[in-house]
Amino acid sequence: MANPTITELQNKERYELIAELDHKQIKEFVLEQLTQGGWIVKSFMIYQVIMLAFGLMVLIWAITQAVNAYLLPLYYTLAALIFCISFLIIIHELLHGIAIKLTGAKKVNYGAYLKKFIFYAEANQHVLNRKQFAFIALTPFVVIKFVTIIVIILFIHHPMVYFMVLVMCAHSLFCAGDIGLLSLFYKYGNSQIFTYDVKIEKKSYYFRRK
């Protein structure tokens, strides 16, 4: 069944506006969703703690080896950190963009709020249901996780493994916003939730079918 149009979503007898997100306040909005919990958030938090602990362990091990005059692991570790705050951001958002296109959007817009270190991909006035939003939100998580694990297996005895482990672990932080937004779709049980962005307003709207 096709998603409702934006005009149909304005019908207050059939749909209820449950959230209006100003993109400039997205960090606060995400933190609010994360603090409200839910099984998705709780599962992600456990995963994130594991990833951060694993990444910290690898970082300490690289430093320890550097102290013992073996510098290559530390070089790969530092390269991973630089990669994460530059190219990984671009890759993450491009993966979102590809997923958005696969849901039928004609055009994808990319942008950033550099002062808040927030980056995004969106499709203007493109209505998404829960399954489509989950696909978009989780695509970077799944793809980057898969690629890093494969490379780790292939280079398990090479210092490259330090690079890939740090990328995998750091990327968990990048996904927090996606998980926070996705959790909103599961706050209302089996209710049908729809969302769309309005580029000119720099806002996102979330509706629930009554």
Protein backbone atom coordinates (compact mmCIF):
# COMPACT_ATOMS: atom_id res chain seq x y z
CA MET A 1 0.00 0.00 0.00
CA ALA A 2 1.32 3.41 -0.97
CA ASN A 3 2.23 5.95 1.68
CA PRO A 4 -0.24 8.78 2.29
CA THR A 5 0.49 12.06 0.61
CA ILE A 6 1.44 15.16 2.60
CA THR A 7 -2.04 16.54 1.95
CA GLU A 8 -3.61 13.37 3.35
CA LEU A 9 -1.40 13.57 6.43
CA GLN A 10 -2.90 16.99 7.20
CA ASN A 11 -6.31 15.34 7.72
CA LYS A 12 -6.64 15.61 11.52
CA GLU A 13 -9.46 13.06 11.58
CA ARG A 14 -7.16 10.33 10.25
CA TYR A 15 -3.65 11.42 11.29
CA GLU A 16 -2.12 12.93 14.41
CA LEU A 17 1.03 15.08 14.40
CA ILE A 18 3.22 13.46 17.09
CA ALA A 19 6.47 15.37 16.57
CA GLU A 20 7.83 18.40 14.77
CA LEU A 21 11.61 18.50 14.52
CA ASP A 22 13.54 21.68 13.86
CA HIS A 23 16.77 20.47 12.23
CA LYS A 24 18.79 23.02 14.16
CA GLN A 25 17.61 21.30 17.35
CA ILE A 26 18.19 17.76 16.11
CA LYS A 27 20.86 16.99 18.71
CA GLU A 28 18.51 17.90 21.56
CA PHE A 29 15.67 15.98 19.91
CA VAL A 30 17.79 12.85 19.51
CA LEU A 31 19.00 13.03 23.12
CA GLU A 32 15.39 13.26 24.26
CA GLN A 33 14.48 10.12 22.29
CA LEU A 34 17.52 8.25 23.58
CA THR A 35 16.76 9.10 27.21
CA GLN A 36 13.21 7.79 26.83
CA GLY A 37 14.58 4.30 26.22
CA GLY A 38 12.75 1.53 24.42
CA TRP A 39 14.13 -1.81 23.26
CA ILE A 40 15.91 -0.32 20.25
CA VAL A 41 17.73 2.28 22.33
CA LYS A 42 18.62 -0.18 25.10
CA SER A 43 20.00 -2.69 22.60
CA PHE A 44 22.02 0.00 20.86
CA MET A 45 23.42 1.32 24.13
CA ILE A 46 24.67 -2.15 25.08
CA TYR A 47 26.24 -2.49 21.63
CA GLN A 48 27.82 0.96 21.88
CA VAL A 49 29.36 0.28 25.28
CA ILE A 50 30.89 -2.93 23.89
CA MET A 51 32.24 -1.11 20.83
CA LEU A 52 33.72 1.75 22.84
CA ALA A 53 35.35 -0.66 25.29
CA PHE A 54 36.75 -2.70 22.41
CA GLY A 55 38.04 0.42 20.65
CA LEU A 56 39.65 1.73 23.83
CA MET A 57 41.33 -1.63 24.37
CA VAL A 58 42.78 -1.59 20.84
CA LEU A 59 43.95 2.01 21.27
CA ILE A 60 45.72 1.19 24.55
CA TRP A 61 47.33 -1.85 22.96
CA ALA A 62 48.60 0.26 20.03
CA ILE A 63 50.08 2.79 22.46
CA THR A 64 51.68 0.00 24.47
CA GLN A 65 53.33 -1.39 21.36
CA ALA A 66 54.53 2.10 20.42
CA VAL A 67 56.20 2.40 23.83
CA ASN A 68 58.00 -0.85 22.97
CA ALA A 69 59.27 0.75 19.72
CA TYR A 70 56.71 -0.89 17.39
CA LEU A 71 55.02 2.21 15.93
CA LEU A 72 53.06 0.80 12.98
CA PRO A 73 49.86 -0.06 14.93
CA LEU A 74 49.80 3.45 16.39
CA TYR A 75 50.16 4.97 12.92
CA TYR A 76 47.18 2.93 11.69
CA THR A 77 45.21 3.94 14.78
CA LEU A 78 45.88 7.65 14.26
CA ALA A 79 45.02 7.28 10.57
CA ALA A 80 41.70 5.69 11.58
CA LEU A 81 40.84 8.62 13.85
CA ILE A 82 41.57 11.11 11.05
CA PHE A 83 39.56 8.99 8.63
CA CYS A 84 36.59 8.90 11.02
CA ILE A 85 36.28 12.69 11.31
CA SER A 86 36.61 13.21 7.57
CA PHE A 87 35.91 10.54 4.96
CA LEU A 88 33.76 8.30 7.17
CA ILE A 89 31.28 11.14 7.64
CA ILE A 90 30.96 11.49 3.86
CA ILE A 91 30.58 7.73 3.37
CA HIS A 92 27.96 7.54 6.14
CA GLU A 93 25.80 10.25 4.59
CA LEU A 94 26.23 8.91 1.05
CA LEU A 95 24.94 5.54 2.25
CA HIS A 96 21.91 7.31 3.73
CA GLY A 97 21.45 9.05 0.39
CA ILE A 98 21.58 5.81 -1.58
CA ALA A 99 19.03 4.25 0.77
CA ILE A 100 16.75 7.29 0.39
CA LYS A 101 16.94 6.99 -3.40
CA LEU A 102 16.05 3.30 -3.14
CA THR A 103 12.82 4.24 -1.34
CA GLY A 104 11.78 6.21 -4.41
CA ALA A 105 12.98 9.75 -3.72
CA LYS A 106 13.73 11.74 -6.86
CA LYS A 107 16.42 13.92 -5.33
CA VAL A 108 18.58 13.73 -2.22
CA ASN A 109 19.93 16.83 -0.51
CA TYR A 110 23.00 16.84 1.73
CA GLY A 111 23.90 19.41 4.32
CA ALA A 112 25.54 20.15 7.64
CA TYR A 113 25.41 22.30 10.75
CA LEU A 114 29.13 22.58 11.24
CA LYS A 115 28.96 24.40 14.58
CA LYS A 116 27.14 21.39 16.03
CA PHE A 117 29.07 18.88 13.91
CA ILE A 118 25.80 17.55 12.46
CA PHE A 119 25.56 16.17 8.92
CA TYR A 120 22.49 14.91 7.12
CA ALA A 121 20.91 13.57 3.94
CA GLU A 122 17.27 14.27 3.17
CA ALA A 123 14.64 14.19 0.43
CA ASN A 124 12.34 17.19 0.36
CA GLN A 125 8.68 16.28 1.03
CA HIS A 126 9.27 12.56 0.49
CA VAL A 127 6.93 10.61 2.78
CA LEU A 128 8.44 7.58 4.51
CA ASN A 129 6.84 4.81 6.54
CA ARG A 130 8.48 2.94 9.42
CA LYS A 131 10.06 0.18 7.30
CA GLN A 132 11.49 2.70 4.83
CA PHE A 133 12.87 4.91 7.58
CA ALA A 134 14.43 1.90 9.32
CA PHE A 135 16.07 0.89 6.04
CA ILE A 136 17.50 4.40 5.59
CA ALA A 137 18.59 4.77 9.23
CA LEU A 138 20.30 1.37 9.44
CA THR A 139 21.97 1.19 6.01
CA PRO A 140 25.25 2.90 7.08
CA PHE A 141 25.36 0.82 10.27
CA VAL A 142 24.91 -2.49 8.44
CA VAL A 143 27.14 -1.73 5.43
CA ILE A 144 30.07 -0.31 7.39
CA LYS A 145 29.82 -3.04 10.02
CA PHE A 146 29.87 -5.71 7.29
CA VAL A 147 32.79 -4.16 5.40
CA THR A 148 34.92 -3.61 8.50
CA ILE A 149 34.37 -7.15 9.76
CA ILE A 150 35.31 -8.63 6.37
CA VAL A 151 38.50 -6.53 6.18
CA ILE A 152 39.38 -7.39 9.80
CA ILE A 153 39.11 -11.09 8.96
CA LEU A 154 41.21 -10.68 5.81
CA PHE A 155 43.91 -8.61 7.58
CA ILE A 156 43.79 -10.26 11.00
CA HIS A 157 47.61 -10.59 11.10
CA HIS A 158 48.31 -7.15 9.60
CA PRO A 159 48.43 -3.75 11.39
CA MET A 160 45.50 -2.75 9.12
CA VAL A 161 43.30 -4.52 11.66
CA TYR A 162 43.90 -1.60 14.07
CA PHE A 163 42.55 0.82 11.47
CA MET A 164 39.41 -1.21 10.76
CA VAL A 165 38.62 -1.97 14.40
CA LEU A 166 38.83 1.72 15.31
CA VAL A 167 36.63 2.67 12.34
CA MET A 168 34.07 0.03 13.32
CA CYS A 169 34.01 1.14 16.94
CA ALA A 170 33.97 4.88 16.26
CA HIS A 171 31.17 4.48 13.72
CA SER A 172 28.87 3.29 16.51
CA LEU A 173 28.88 6.90 17.75
CA PHE A 174 27.86 8.11 14.29
CA CYS A 175 24.77 5.88 14.41
CA ALA A 176 23.39 7.25 17.69
CA GLY A 177 21.36 9.93 15.92
CA ASP A 178 19.90 7.41 13.49
CA ILE A 179 18.88 5.11 16.33
CA GLY A 180 17.37 7.98 18.29
CA LEU A 181 15.20 9.05 15.36
CA LEU A 182 14.26 5.45 14.55
CA SER A 183 13.16 4.82 18.14
CA LEU A 184 10.37 7.37 17.69
CA PHE A 185 8.69 4.98 15.25
CA TYR A 186 8.46 2.29 17.94
CA LYS A 187 7.08 4.42 20.78
CA TYR A 188 3.50 3.87 19.64
CA GLY A 189 3.32 0.09 19.43
CA ASN A 190 1.97 -1.13 16.10
CA SER A 191 0.67 2.28 15.04
CA GLN A 192 1.58 3.37 11.53
CA ILE A 193 4.04 6.26 11.65
CA PHE A 194 4.99 8.45 8.71
CA THR A 195 7.53 11.23 8.32
CA TYR A 196 8.75 13.73 5.77
CA ASP A 197 11.23 16.61 5.59
CA VAL A 198 10.56 20.13 4.36
CA LYS A 199 13.80 21.56 3.06
CA ILE A 200 12.82 25.24 3.02
CA GLU A 201 11.55 25.04 6.63
CA LYS A 202 14.47 22.85 7.77
CA LYS A 203 12.00 20.69 9.64
CA SER A 204 10.77 17.11 9.82
CA TYR A 205 7.23 16.09 10.68
CA TYR A 206 6.04 12.82 12.21
CA PHE A 207 2.46 11.60 11.97
CA ARG A 208 0.57 8.68 13.45
CA ARG A 209 -2.42 7.08 11.79
CA LYS A 210 -5.35 7.18 14.24
